[in-house]
């Protein structure tokens, strides 16, 4: 019976009017007046210039100091350092100014009283970081409230471009449209990989990435009440041998990460419907993402998998959203130096609002869940022996750290906001703001240092990542230039 329904569905889709909407079309339509390619090229020019920026000695000294301090989670060292300045509100902080002009990028620290430069060119930004010492946290004896704000000029680029692009991508994945693309490629619908159409849109970019990484998508076309929809999943992985030949340090870094951390989660609407699922693990497929979709819309479902039942009446287009909220559920398992950390219930809430003049996206931590710890430290020392030499125990210290994250920051917990001010045409402004409170003691710093040492890439590995990223960006820019010529 299932085969008969599938055959009828494929026949019905094949008989639909020709759509042939491709990923290249989604790019073109990602900006008003079909100027999406031009918008993409403008962004590529900025990213290319900023990726080539090299810090001077003074800036390198500051970055090295901050990196080493945060690697050890030593907020007190940063707070007391000469790099931060006292502020009237009792905090200590510093402000960066990044200016993009004439295809060059510069970054400086503003001295006390120095005027803030005008943000007039795309990518120019002001970043402000501050720390406040708290001697009466909800747990422990000392904590630090950290705040980071980032304001940037984006000219004509905004969240609207992102929303348009994502909506276009989902439109490509519509069952009837995929049938047309499969027909054009001379393939059966059930064997067609939508990533192949992305490769056609960006042959240089994907050709370069395909050397070192694997990309695969599966479109399971189903029907409920004779309405077709797509259960779409995408996986990403890496080719260890090929990556190791050109970027050996990246390959070694990814191999070292194997088994250290696995993250999985989902998004749930306020009605209780599932919106997406994802998993992240070093092996064998580094990243997996699933979503149900139809007609360019996100399609909520009762559950994922073969029993997934779509809720058509609650499907939504991201382009049409003005208000939307959903919950995020995350599970984290880590294996650090033989110790197993299991945090199964991390919950947060995301709220999105959009109007003609501004957009605000808020994400806040609601629940960190309790972390259980087992295993042998350095594959030798059991947890109970470590507990003999520290006040309390490892689980208590870990969960106190999480509790401060969840309930601290004057009751606001850890959160972030992304905003776009689009009130002035051609002078759009982007803002990112984040706050969190971190418990500070020797045992927390020691534990975070062990985790950081296990997961942090060294400078030469980071340089390989930059080299890979710069080449990929240049390939993407070349593809956009070719796309511009075709659409001219």
Foldseek 3Di string as FASTA:
>chain_A
DVVVQVVVLLVVLLPDPADQQFLLQLQQQLAPPSCSLVLVLLVLLVVLQVLPDDDDPVVVVVVVVVVVCVLLPPVVCVQPDPQWDADPVQKTWWKKWWDDDPSHIDIDIDDPPRDDDDAQDFPTKMKIKIKHWDQDFPDDGIWIKIKMKMKHWHQQDDVSSVLSSLLSVLQCLASSNLSNVCVVVVHRSQPDWSVVSVCVLQVLLVVLVVQWKDKTKGWDWDDDPNRIKTWIKIFMATDLVSCCVQQVLLSVLLVLQAQFKKKKKFKAFPVGFTQKIKIAGSPDTGIMIIFMGHNSWGWTWNDDDPPTDTDVVPTDRSSPDAKGKIKMFMWMWGQFLFKIKTFGGWMKMWIWGDDPFKIKIKIFTADRHFIDIFTAHNNPHTQVVVQVVDPHGDSVVVVSQVVQQNQNPPRRHWMKMWMWGCNDRSGIMIMIMIIGMGDDDDVVSVVSSSVSVSNPRDPSSVVSVSVSVSSSSVSSSVSSVVSVVVVD
